[in-house]
Structures are given as C-alpha cells and as structure tokens.
Amino acid sequence: MYLVTAATPFELDPLLRACPPGARFESLVCGVGPVETALRLSVLLARREAAGAPRYRGVINIGVAGAYRRPEGGADLLDLCLAEREVLGDLGICDEETITSLRSDTLEIVDAFDLDRPLLQEADVLLAGHGIHCRRGTFVTVNCVSATSRRGDLLARRHEALCENMEGAAAARVCLEYGLPLLELRCVSNLVEDRDPRTWRLRAASDRCGRAAALLINGLPHD
C-alpha cells in the first residue's frame, strides 16, 4: 500500500473524506517545514523496518503550493501540479539579489532530487483519464514562504521552477534513503507575489488536491 503524507490535517482531511471505506493506504501528518517532515517520516519508516512490517509501495506527498509567476506561462490558482524534481531552494548563501550554492571543491551538497519517473507517469496518465490535467515541473522547498514577487521570481529563475512548498524535498531525501518511490501532488492555493492573503484559495486547493489524491489511491497498482 501507499503512505500519504501531508503537512497539516487541513491538507490531509479532504483525501480522507474522498476515499471510500476500506481504501488501502496509510497516512501521516508530517508537520510544517523540512525539519519536521524529515523527522516524522524517518521515525515512521524506521519503526516499520524494525518491526518487520511490509514495505510501502511508495509515498505520496500532497498539499497546497504557491505558484511562481513565469513569463512563458506557469501554473494558476487551483491548478494541480506533479513534481518532476524537488529542490532545497534556500540552502546556500543568500543576499538581496542571489542565492549561491554552498558547494565547493571540499564540500558536497545534495540539494536536488529527481522524483520517481514511472510512478509520476502512471499518476499523470491516471488523472488524465479522469479529465484532470496536471502541470509538471520542478518544485522548490523553502524554509520561509516567499512573501514578495521579487523573492519568488529569484527562486523561479534560479531553479526554472513551477511552484514552492515547505516539505517536498525533505520527503524526497528520506525516500531516497529508504529506497522508496515518491510522488508529489499539490494544488495551487496562491501565486507567489507580494503577500495578500485575501487572494488565497487554501480550502478549495486542499479539497481539489484531496479528491485527485483519492483517485490515485484507488487507481494506482498496489501489488
């Protein structure tokens, strides 16, 4: 079966409501931010491994995201997005205009993770079969939500990214360690611009993501 993770009950509950009784999956509220996500997911997987429990077929990370403004046309409010790649976007040296990697001849930094292509493709095809189009691209994981267009544009350019969140890269790092495929599905709740909560669509985005995730739980192979 799959393990579904979300940062908050608010993001997980729509999936729980949408899934039929007896649906085969387990869920974890992993907390907000990369540290809590890495900790809680690692603890769960380590305990299962120590207990000799069957391995999960994969991990599905769901939730909301902020979409970057892109000249060529990016994601819009309530668009569903699938991650092809996750990046730790603000791990490095940051000033007002740039973010520079910490990599050097003596220091190796792992800050980008390609997500499982077969699982991504299966999910994309399955949702398309239900008439649901998903945008695909690079997701950026941040410790601080971008509250200005300037910072969002900087991250979007640097990583050629579609949207940002606060947990995905941490989940990807843990799944890499445990040899588990990861699928990340998010719905755009807001655009990354000068902060204005009046324009956000958090509930609608969570609901849409949860319904789509329920289709994945029901349609993806479990054996």
Foldseek 3Di string as FASTA:
>chain_A
DEEEEEQDCLLQVLLVVQADPPQDYHYDNQHAFLVSNLVVVLVVVVVCVVVVHDDFQFYEYEAAWAWADDPVDADDAFAKAKEQKEFQQQAADDDQQAGDHPDDPVDDDDTMFGADVVLSVVLQVLVVVVVHHYHYYYEYAYRDQQQANRVSVRSCVVRVGTTYGGHVSSVRVSCVVVVHGYIYMFTYQYYRHNDDVVSGRRNSRSNSRSNSVSSCSVPPDRD
